[in-house]
Amino acid sequence: MTTLREKISLTLLTGLFMVCSLRYYPDHPRQTALVTGQHLLTLAPFLVGTALITNALFQRLSGDKPSRVNLFRIGLTLGITIEFILGIYHYLAINS
């Protein structure tokens, strides 16, 4: 059973991931929504694969599976890091 603290931290990580995933086009809300959705669908298989590799690595090193909450937390942290780097690249590509 997950505690309230775990639920809050997972919700905050998910919110931060969504903010980092946002591809903002000033004065074009439709394009912002379409490009953000396309970006999330493109990145989802990569994040799922990373989570599976991380799960296998933890199983190999410790001998037991990490809990789902910890696995989601690790996946979201990796996703936030990747999204931050891709967001900077996107911002620089628009402004050049």
PDB file of N, CA and C in Angstrom:
ATOM      1  N   MET A   1       0.842  -1.181   0.000  1.00  0.00           N
ATOM      2  CA  MET A   1       0.000   0.000   0.000  1.00  0.00           C
ATOM      3  C   MET A   1       0.886   1.242   0.000  1.00  0.00           C
ATOM      4  N   THR A   2       0.559   2.185  -0.831  1.00  0.00           N
ATOM      5  CA  THR A   2       1.359   3.398  -0.897  1.00  0.00           C
ATOM      6  C   THR A   2       0.865   4.409   0.126  1.00  0.00           C
ATOM      7  N   THR A   3       1.803   5.156   0.652  1.00  0.00           N
ATOM      8  CA  THR A   3       1.453   6.167   1.638  1.00  0.00           C
ATOM      9  C   THR A   3       1.068   7.455   0.930  1.00  0.00           C
ATOM     10  N   LEU A   4       0.538   8.380   1.688  1.00  0.00           N
ATOM     11  CA  LEU A   4       0.141   9.668   1.132  1.00  0.00           C
ATOM     12  C   LEU A   4       1.356  10.418   0.607  1.00  0.00           C
ATOM     13  N   ARG A   5       2.463  10.311   1.310  1.00  0.00           N
ATOM     14  CA  ARG A   5       3.684  10.998   0.880  1.00  0.00           C
ATOM     15  C   ARG A   5       4.163  10.471  -0.478  1.00  0.00           C
ATOM     16  N   GLU A   6       4.107   9.156  -0.677  1.00  0.00           N
ATOM     17  CA  GLU A   6       4.497   8.571  -1.958  1.00  0.00           C
ATOM     18  C   GLU A   6       3.567   9.022  -3.074  1.00  0.00           C
ATOM     19  N   LYS A   7       2.263   9.092  -2.786  1.00  0.00           N
ATOM     20  CA  LYS A   7       1.297   9.538  -3.792  1.00  0.00           C
ATOM     21  C   LYS A   7       1.542  10.991  -4.177  1.00  0.00           C
ATOM     22  N   ILE A   8       1.833  11.833  -3.188  1.00  0.00           N
ATOM     23  CA  ILE A   8       2.087  13.249  -3.462  1.00  0.00           C
ATOM     24  C   ILE A   8       3.361  13.417  -4.274  1.00  0.00           C
ATOM     25  N   SER A   9       4.417  12.711  -3.906  1.00  0.00           N
ATOM     26  CA  SER A   9       5.674  12.848  -4.650  1.00  0.00           C
ATOM     27  C   SER A   9       5.528  12.334  -6.076  1.00  0.00           C
ATOM     28  N   LEU A  10       4.781  11.250  -6.272  1.00  0.00           N
ATOM     29  CA  LEU A  10       4.559  10.730  -7.615  1.00  0.00           C
ATOM     30  C   LEU A  10       3.718  11.699  -8.449  1.00  0.00           C
ATOM     31  N   THR A  11       2.725  12.324  -7.829  1.00  0.00           N
ATOM     32  CA  THR A  11       1.907  13.318  -8.525  1.00  0.00           C
ATOM     33  C   THR A  11       2.736  14.535  -8.910  1.00  0.00           C
ATOM     34  N   LEU A  12       3.593  15.000  -8.012  1.00  0.00           N
ATOM     35  CA  LEU A  12       4.454  16.143  -8.326  1.00  0.00           C
ATOM     36  C   LEU A  12       5.448  15.810  -9.433  1.00  0.00           C
ATOM     37  N   LEU A  13       6.016  14.618  -9.404  1.00  0.00           N
ATOM     38  CA  LEU A  13       6.927  14.210 -10.472  1.00  0.00           C
ATOM     39  C   LEU A  13       6.207  14.128 -11.816  1.00  0.00           C
ATOM     40  N   THR A  14       4.978  13.605 -11.808  1.00  0.00           N
ATOM     41  CA  THR A  14       4.203  13.528 -13.044  1.00  0.00           C
ATOM     42  C   THR A  14       3.880  14.923 -13.566  1.00  0.00           C
ATOM     43  N   GLY A  15       3.506  15.832 -12.681  1.00  0.00           N
ATOM     44  CA  GLY A  15       3.242  17.212 -13.096  1.00  0.00           C
ATOM     45  C   GLY A  15       4.471  17.895 -13.656  1.00  0.00           C
ATOM     46  N   LEU A  16       5.606  17.699 -13.016  1.00  0.00           N
ATOM     47  CA  LEU A  16       6.849  18.284 -13.511  1.00  0.00           C
ATOM     48  C   LEU A  16       7.227  17.691 -14.862  1.00  0.00           C
ATOM     49  N   PHE A  17       6.992  16.395 -15.040  1.00  0.00           N
ATOM     50  CA  PHE A  17       7.254  15.758 -16.332  1.00  0.00           C
ATOM     51  C   PHE A  17       6.377  16.373 -17.420  1.00  0.00           C
ATOM     52  N   MET A  18       5.109  16.609 -17.112  1.00  0.00           N
ATOM     53  CA  MET A  18       4.207  17.203 -18.105  1.00  0.00           C
ATOM     54  C   MET A  18       4.619  18.633 -18.439  1.00  0.00           C
ATOM     55  N   VAL A  19       5.067  19.388 -17.452  1.00  0.00           N
ATOM     56  CA  VAL A  19       5.537  20.756 -17.712  1.00  0.00           C
ATOM     57  C   VAL A  19       6.789  20.722 -18.578  1.00  0.00           C
ATOM     58  N   CYS A  20       7.700  19.808 -18.290  1.00  0.00           N
ATOM     59  CA  CYS A  20       8.922  19.695 -19.100  1.00  0.00           C
ATOM     60  C   CYS A  20       8.616  19.200 -20.507  1.00  0.00           C
ATOM     61  N   SER A  21       7.526  18.448 -20.683  1.00  0.00           N
ATOM     62  CA  SER A  21       7.161  17.915 -21.996  1.00  0.00           C
ATOM     63  C   SER A  21       6.454  18.940 -22.870  1.00  0.00           C
ATOM     64  N   LEU A  22       5.988  20.012 -22.286  1.00  0.00           N
ATOM     65  CA  LEU A  22       5.229  21.014 -23.031  1.00  0.00           C
ATOM     66  C   LEU A  22       6.100  21.654 -24.097  1.00  0.00           C
ATOM     67  N   ARG A  23       5.609  21.672 -25.312  1.00  0.00           N
ATOM     68  CA  ARG A  23       6.287  22.344 -26.425  1.00  0.00           C
ATOM     69  C   ARG A  23       5.461  23.575 -26.759  1.00  0.00           C
ATOM     70  N   TYR A  24       5.905  24.715 -26.280  1.00  0.00           N
ATOM     71  CA  TYR A  24       5.122  25.949 -26.322  1.00  0.00           C
ATOM     72  C   TYR A  24       5.415  26.741 -27.588  1.00  0.00           C
ATOM     73  N   TYR A  25       4.347  27.095 -28.294  1.00  0.00           N
ATOM     74  CA  TYR A  25       4.418  27.999 -29.439  1.00  0.00           C
ATOM     75  C   TYR A  25       3.587  29.227 -29.085  1.00  0.00           C
ATOM     76  N   PRO A  26       4.221  30.382 -28.918  1.00  0.00           N
ATOM     77  CA  PRO A  26       3.479  31.586 -28.537  1.00  0.00           C
ATOM     78  C   PRO A  26       2.372  31.908 -29.541  1.00  0.00           C
ATOM     79  N   ASP A  27       1.206  32.240 -29.038  1.00  0.00           N
ATOM     80  CA  ASP A  27       0.026  32.631 -29.820  1.00  0.00           C
ATOM     81  C   ASP A  27      -0.490  31.525 -30.739  1.00  0.00           C
ATOM     82  N   HIS A  28      -0.115  30.280 -30.506  1.00  0.00           N
ATOM     83  CA  HIS A  28      -0.593  29.149 -31.299  1.00  0.00           C
ATOM     84  C   HIS A  28      -0.939  27.985 -30.369  1.00  0.00           C
ATOM     85  N   PRO A  29      -2.078  28.068 -29.655  1.00  0.00           N
ATOM     86  CA  PRO A  29      -2.399  27.011 -28.688  1.00  0.00           C
ATOM     87  C   PRO A  29      -2.663  25.648 -29.343  1.00  0.00           C
ATOM     88  N   ARG A  30      -3.243  25.652 -30.542  1.00  0.00           N
ATOM     89  CA  ARG A  30      -3.509  24.374 -31.212  1.00  0.00           C
ATOM     90  C   ARG A  30      -2.201  23.682 -31.588  1.00  0.00           C
ATOM     91  N   GLN A  31      -1.266  24.447 -32.133  1.00  0.00           N
ATOM     92  CA  GLN A  31       0.028  23.870 -32.498  1.00  0.00           C
ATOM     93  C   GLN A  31       0.772  23.391 -31.250  1.00  0.00           C
ATOM     94  N   THR A  32       0.644  24.140 -30.155  1.00  0.00           N
ATOM     95  CA  THR A  32       1.263  23.727 -28.894  1.00  0.00           C
ATOM     96  C   THR A  32       0.719  22.370 -28.451  1.00  0.00           C
ATOM     97  N   ALA A  33      -0.605  22.204 -28.494  1.00  0.00           N
ATOM     98  CA  ALA A  33      -1.221  20.940 -28.072  1.00  0.00           C
ATOM     99  C   ALA A  33      -0.839  19.791 -29.000  1.00  0.00           C
ATOM    100  N   LEU A  34      -0.852  20.031 -30.307  1.00  0.00           N
ATOM    101  CA  LEU A  34      -0.532  18.968 -31.262  1.00  0.00           C
ATOM    102  C   LEU A  34       0.921  18.522 -31.160  1.00  0.00           C
ATOM    103  N   VAL A  35       1.841  19.474 -31.093  1.00  0.00           N
ATOM    104  CA  VAL A  35       3.262  19.128 -31.030  1.00  0.00           C
ATOM    105  C   VAL A  35       3.593  18.475 -29.690  1.00  0.00           C
ATOM    106  N   THR A  36       2.974  18.936 -28.609  1.00  0.00           N
ATOM    107  CA  THR A  36       3.202  18.315 -27.299  1.00  0.00           C
ATOM    108  C   THR A  36       2.697  16.872 -27.294  1.00  0.00           C
ATOM    109  N   GLY A  37       1.499  16.642 -27.824  1.00  0.00           N
ATOM    110  CA  GLY A  37       0.971  15.279 -27.902  1.00  0.00           C
ATOM    111  C   GLY A  37       1.824  14.373 -28.769  1.00  0.00           C
ATOM    112  N   GLN A  38       2.254  14.895 -29.914  1.00  0.00           N
ATOM    113  CA  GLN A  38       3.121  14.120 -30.799  1.00  0.00           C
ATOM    114  C   GLN A  38       4.441  13.788 -30.104  1.00  0.00           C
ATOM    115  N   HIS A  39       4.968  14.751 -29.392  1.00  0.00           N
ATOM    116  CA  HIS A  39       6.227  14.537 -28.684  1.00  0.00           C
ATOM    117  C   HIS A  39       6.079  13.469 -27.597  1.00  0.00           C
ATOM    118  N   LEU A  40       4.986  13.517 -26.845  1.00  0.00           N
ATOM    119  CA  LEU A  40       4.762  12.515 -25.796  1.00  0.00           C
ATOM    120  C   LEU A  40       4.601  11.116 -26.382  1.00  0.00           C
ATOM    121  N   LEU A  41       3.882  11.006 -27.506  1.00  0.00           N
ATOM    122  CA  LEU A  41       3.709   9.700 -28.141  1.00  0.00           C
ATOM    123  C   LEU A  41       5.018   9.175 -28.725  1.00  0.00           C
ATOM    124  N   THR A  42       5.870  10.075 -29.174  1.00  0.00           N
ATOM    125  CA  THR A  42       7.164   9.670 -29.713  1.00  0.00           C
ATOM    126  C   THR A  42       8.102   9.218 -28.599  1.00  0.00           C
ATOM    127  N   LEU A  43       8.053   9.885 -27.470  1.00  0.00           N
ATOM    128  CA  LEU A  43       8.976   9.601 -26.376  1.00  0.00           C
ATOM    129  C   LEU A  43       8.526   8.435 -25.490  1.00  0.00           C
ATOM    130  N   ALA A  44       7.240   8.098 -25.506  1.00  0.00           N
ATOM    131  CA  ALA A  44       6.707   7.064 -24.611  1.00  0.00           C
ATOM    132  C   ALA A  44       7.406   5.707 -24.757  1.00  0.00           C
ATOM    133  N   PRO A  45       7.630   5.190 -25.966  1.00  0.00           N
ATOM    134  CA  PRO A  45       8.318   3.888 -26.054  1.00  0.00           C
ATOM    135  C   PRO A  45       9.729   3.921 -25.468  1.00  0.00           C
ATOM    136  N   PHE A  46      10.410   5.025 -25.639  1.00  0.00           N
ATOM    137  CA  PHE A  46      11.752   5.156 -25.081  1.00  0.00           C
ATOM    138  C   PHE A  46      11.712   5.093 -23.554  1.00  0.00           C
ATOM    139  N   LEU A  47      10.752   5.789 -22.951  1.00  0.00           N
ATOM    140  CA  LEU A  47      10.653   5.787 -21.489  1.00  0.00           C
ATOM    141  C   LEU A  47      10.231   4.422 -20.950  1.00  0.00           C
ATOM    142  N   VAL A  48       9.339   3.734 -21.655  1.00  0.00           N
ATOM    143  CA  VAL A  48       8.937   2.391 -21.227  1.00  0.00           C
ATOM    144  C   VAL A  48      10.126   1.436 -21.312  1.00  0.00           C
ATOM    145  N   GLY A  49      10.889   1.535 -22.388  1.00  0.00           N
ATOM    146  CA  GLY A  49      12.084   0.700 -22.526  1.00  0.00           C
ATOM    147  C   GLY A  49      13.106   0.975 -21.444  1.00  0.00           C
ATOM    148  N   THR A  50      13.291   2.248 -21.116  1.00  0.00           N
ATOM    149  CA  THR A  50      14.220   2.616 -20.054  1.00  0.00           C
ATOM    150  C   THR A  50      13.753   2.057 -18.709  1.00  0.00           C
ATOM    151  N   ALA A  51      12.446   2.106 -18.469  1.00  0.00           N
ATOM    152  CA  ALA A  51      11.912   1.555 -17.221  1.00  0.00           C
ATOM    153  C   ALA A  51      12.118   0.042 -17.158  1.00  0.00           C
ATOM    154  N   LEU A  52      11.932  -0.645 -18.278  1.00  0.00           N
ATOM    155  CA  LEU A  52      12.141  -2.097 -18.292  1.00  0.00           C
ATOM    156  C   LEU A  52      13.605  -2.456 -18.061  1.00  0.00           C
ATOM    157  N   ILE A  53      14.508  -1.712 -18.674  1.00  0.00           N
ATOM    158  CA  ILE A  53      15.939  -1.958 -18.468  1.00  0.00           C
ATOM    159  C   ILE A  53      16.326  -1.679 -17.019  1.00  0.00           C
ATOM    160  N   THR A  54      15.794  -0.598 -16.455  1.00  0.00           N
ATOM    161  CA  THR A  54      16.073  -0.267 -15.059  1.00  0.00           C
ATOM    162  C   THR A  54      15.547  -1.361 -14.134  1.00  0.00           C
ATOM    163  N   ASN A  55      14.352  -1.862 -14.421  1.00  0.00           N
ATOM    164  CA  ASN A  55      13.776  -2.942 -13.623  1.00  0.00           C
ATOM    165  C   ASN A  55      14.651  -4.188 -13.691  1.00  0.00           C
ATOM    166  N   ALA A  56      15.098  -4.544 -14.888  1.00  0.00           N
ATOM    167  CA  ALA A  56      15.965  -5.719 -15.040  1.00  0.00           C
ATOM    168  C   ALA A  56      17.290  -5.526 -14.309  1.00  0.00           C
ATOM    169  N   LEU A  57      17.827  -4.315 -14.363  1.00  0.00           N
ATOM    170  CA  LEU A  57      19.083  -4.026 -13.676  1.00  0.00           C
ATOM    171  C   LEU A  57      18.928  -4.165 -12.162  1.00  0.00           C
ATOM    172  N   PHE A  58      17.838  -3.621 -11.620  1.00  0.00           N
ATOM    173  CA  PHE A  58      17.597  -3.749 -10.182  1.00  0.00           C
ATOM    174  C   PHE A  58      17.373  -5.203  -9.782  1.00  0.00           C
ATOM    175  N   GLN A  59      16.663  -5.959 -10.622  1.00  0.00           N
ATOM    176  CA  GLN A  59      16.460  -7.376 -10.317  1.00  0.00           C
ATOM    177  C   GLN A  59      17.782  -8.120 -10.294  1.00  0.00           C
ATOM    178  N   ARG A  60      18.646  -7.790 -11.226  1.00  0.00           N
ATOM    179  CA  ARG A  60      19.940  -8.469 -11.327  1.00  0.00           C
ATOM    180  C   ARG A  60      20.835  -8.128 -10.141  1.00  0.00           C
ATOM    181  N   LEU A  61      20.824  -6.852  -9.732  1.00  0.00           N
ATOM    182  CA  LEU A  61      21.723  -6.419  -8.663  1.00  0.00           C
ATOM    183  C   LEU A  61      21.223  -6.800  -7.270  1.00  0.00           C
ATOM    184  N   SER A  62      19.920  -6.643  -7.032  1.00  0.00           N
ATOM    185  CA  SER A  62      19.419  -6.875  -5.679  1.00  0.00           C
ATOM    186  C   SER A  62      18.713  -8.213  -5.510  1.00  0.00           C
ATOM    187  N   GLY A  63      18.294  -8.829  -6.588  1.00  0.00           N
ATOM    188  CA  GLY A  63      17.640 -10.120  -6.485  1.00  0.00           C
ATOM    189  C   GLY A  63      16.133 -10.059  -6.372  1.00  0.00           C
ATOM    190  N   ASP A  64      15.559  -8.890  -6.144  1.00  0.00           N
ATOM    191  CA  ASP A  64      14.110  -8.772  -6.095  1.00  0.00           C
ATOM    192  C   ASP A  64      13.667  -7.537  -6.871  1.00  0.00           C
ATOM    193  N   LYS A  65      12.376  -7.525  -7.227  1.00  0.00           N
ATOM    194  CA  LYS A  65      11.839  -6.420  -8.014  1.00  0.00           C
ATOM    195  C   LYS A  65      11.646  -5.180  -7.142  1.00  0.00           C
ATOM    196  N   PRO A  66      11.887  -3.986  -7.714  1.00  0.00           N
ATOM    197  CA  PRO A  66      11.516  -2.770  -6.984  1.00  0.00           C
ATOM    198  C   PRO A  66       9.994  -2.607  -7.033  1.00  0.00           C
ATOM    199  N   SER A  67       9.454  -1.866  -6.100  1.00  0.00           N
ATOM    200  CA  SER A  67       8.011  -1.645  -6.105  1.00  0.00           C
ATOM    201  C   SER A  67       7.622  -0.807  -7.318  1.00  0.00           C
ATOM    202  N   ARG A  68       6.360  -0.874  -7.685  1.00  0.00           N
ATOM    203  CA  ARG A  68       5.896  -0.117  -8.854  1.00  0.00           C
ATOM    204  C   ARG A  68       6.076   1.379  -8.663  1.00  0.00           C
ATOM    205  N   VAL A  69       5.835   1.854  -7.462  1.00  0.00           N
ATOM    206  CA  VAL A  69       5.983   3.282  -7.194  1.00  0.00           C
ATOM    207  C   VAL A  69       7.428   3.709  -7.408  1.00  0.00           C
ATOM    208  N   ASN A  70       8.367   2.931  -6.906  1.00  0.00           N
ATOM    209  CA  ASN A  70       9.778   3.270  -7.101  1.00  0.00           C
ATOM    210  C   ASN A  70      10.174   3.177  -8.566  1.00  0.00           C
ATOM    211  N   LEU A  71       9.634   2.203  -9.283  1.00  0.00           N
ATOM    212  CA  LEU A  71       9.927   2.076 -10.708  1.00  0.00           C
ATOM    213  C   LEU A  71       9.380   3.275 -11.482  1.00  0.00           C
ATOM    214  N   PHE A  72       8.150   3.700 -11.175  1.00  0.00           N
ATOM    215  CA  PHE A  72       7.586   4.887 -11.820  1.00  0.00           C
ATOM    216  C   PHE A  72       8.391   6.133 -11.466  1.00  0.00           C
ATOM    217  N   ARG A  73       8.807   6.217 -10.221  1.00  0.00           N
ATOM    218  CA  ARG A  73       9.579   7.376  -9.784  1.00  0.00           C
ATOM    219  C   ARG A  73      10.912   7.462 -10.535  1.00  0.00           C
ATOM    220  N   ILE A  74      11.583   6.348 -10.695  1.00  0.00           N
ATOM    221  CA  ILE A  74      12.849   6.327 -11.438  1.00  0.00           C
ATOM    222  C   ILE A  74      12.608   6.677 -12.904  1.00  0.00           C
ATOM    223  N   GLY A  75      11.563   6.091 -13.497  1.00  0.00           N
ATOM    224  CA  GLY A  75      11.239   6.394 -14.893  1.00  0.00           C
ATOM    225  C   GLY A  75      10.898   7.855 -15.108  1.00  0.00           C
ATOM    226  N   LEU A  76      10.128   8.433 -14.200  1.00  0.00           N
ATOM    227  CA  LEU A  76       9.778   9.850 -14.329  1.00  0.00           C
ATOM    228  C   LEU A  76      10.989  10.748 -14.134  1.00  0.00           C
ATOM    229  N   THR A  77      11.875  10.387 -13.223  1.00  0.00           N
ATOM    230  CA  THR A  77      13.085  11.183 -13.021  1.00  0.00           C
ATOM    231  C   THR A  77      13.961  11.159 -14.269  1.00  0.00           C
ATOM    232  N   LEU A  78      14.127   9.988 -14.864  1.00  0.00           N
ATOM    233  CA  LEU A  78      14.869   9.908 -16.126  1.00  0.00           C
ATOM    234  C   LEU A  78      14.156  10.689 -17.227  1.00  0.00           C
ATOM    235  N   GLY A  79      12.837  10.583 -17.264  1.00  0.00           N
ATOM    236  CA  GLY A  79      12.056  11.314 -18.262  1.00  0.00           C
ATOM    237  C   GLY A  79      12.175  12.816 -18.107  1.00  0.00           C
ATOM    238  N   ILE A  80      12.161  13.308 -16.876  1.00  0.00           N
ATOM    239  CA  ILE A  80      12.307  14.743 -16.635  1.00  0.00           C
ATOM    240  C   ILE A  80      13.667  15.220 -17.102  1.00  0.00           C
ATOM    241  N   THR A  81      14.701  14.443 -16.821  1.00  0.00           N
ATOM    242  CA  THR A  81      16.050  14.816 -17.257  1.00  0.00           C
ATOM    243  C   THR A  81      16.125  14.879 -18.781  1.00  0.00           C
ATOM    244  N   ILE A  82      15.589  13.869 -19.442  1.00  0.00           N
ATOM    245  CA  ILE A  82      15.599  13.843 -20.906  1.00  0.00           C
ATOM    246  C   ILE A  82      14.756  14.980 -21.469  1.00  0.00           C
ATOM    247  N   GLU A  83      13.584  15.210 -20.899  1.00  0.00           N
ATOM    248  CA  GLU A  83      12.705  16.276 -21.375  1.00  0.00           C
ATOM    249  C   GLU A  83      13.332  17.651 -21.194  1.00  0.00           C
ATOM    250  N   PHE A  84      14.053  17.845 -20.119  1.00  0.00           N
ATOM    251  CA  PHE A  84      14.709  19.130 -19.895  1.00  0.00           C
ATOM    252  C   PHE A  84      15.722  19.400 -21.000  1.00  0.00           C
ATOM    253  N   ILE A  85      16.522  18.397 -21.333  1.00  0.00           N
ATOM    254  CA  ILE A  85      17.525  18.561 -22.386  1.00  0.00           C
ATOM    255  C   ILE A  85      16.847  18.770 -23.740  1.00  0.00           C
ATOM    256  N   LEU A  86      15.826  17.964 -24.050  1.00  0.00           N
ATOM    257  CA  LEU A  86      15.116  18.127 -25.319  1.00  0.00           C
ATOM    258  C   LEU A  86      14.360  19.451 -25.380  1.00  0.00           C
ATOM    259  N   GLY A  87      13.852  19.918 -24.251  1.00  0.00           N
ATOM    260  CA  GLY A  87      13.162  21.209 -24.212  1.00  0.00           C
ATOM    261  C   GLY A  87      14.092  22.365 -24.519  1.00  0.00           C
ATOM    262  N   ILE A  88      15.301  22.318 -23.988  1.00  0.00           N
ATOM    263  CA  ILE A  88      16.285  23.360 -24.298  1.00  0.00           C
ATOM    264  C   ILE A  88      16.618  23.326 -25.781  1.00  0.00           C
ATOM    265  N   TYR A  89      16.795  22.131 -26.344  1.00  0.00           N
ATOM    266  CA  TYR A  89      17.077  22.007 -27.776  1.00  0.00           C
ATOM    267  C   TYR A  89      15.924  22.578 -28.601  1.00  0.00           C
ATOM    268  N   HIS A  90      14.675  22.257 -28.218  1.00  0.00           N
ATOM    269  CA  HIS A  90      13.497  22.762 -28.923  1.00  0.00           C
ATOM    270  C   HIS A  90      13.422  24.283 -28.852  1.00  0.00           C
ATOM    271  N   TYR A  91      13.673  24.830 -27.679  1.00  0.00           N
ATOM    272  CA  TYR A  91      13.633  26.282 -27.497  1.00  0.00           C
ATOM    273  C   TYR A  91      14.686  26.965 -28.363  1.00  0.00           C
ATOM    274  N   LEU A  92      15.894  26.421 -28.394  1.00  0.00           N
ATOM    275  CA  LEU A  92      16.959  27.014 -29.202  1.00  0.00           C
ATOM    276  C   LEU A  92      16.678  26.861 -30.692  1.00  0.00           C
ATOM    277  N   ALA A  93      16.025  25.770 -31.100  1.00  0.00           N
ATOM    278  CA  ALA A  93      15.696  25.570 -32.511  1.00  0.00           C
ATOM    279  C   ALA A  93      14.627  26.555 -32.970  1.00  0.00           C
ATOM    280  N   ILE A  94      13.672  26.883 -32.106  1.00  0.00           N
ATOM    281  CA  ILE A  94      12.623  27.843 -32.473  1.00  0.00           C
ATOM    282  C   ILE A  94      13.197  29.248 -32.568  1.00  0.00           C
ATOM    283  N   ASN A  95      14.077  29.604 -31.671  1.00  0.00           N
ATOM    284  CA  ASN A  95      14.591  30.973 -31.617  1.00  0.00           C
ATOM    285  C   ASN A  95      15.757  31.229 -32.557  1.00  0.00           C
ATOM    286  N   SER A  96      16.200  30.243 -33.297  1.00  0.00           N
ATOM    287  CA  SER A  96      17.313  30.506 -34.216  1.00  0.00           C
ATOM    288  C   SER A  96      16.827  30.788 -35.618  1.00  0.00           C
TER     289      SER A  96
END
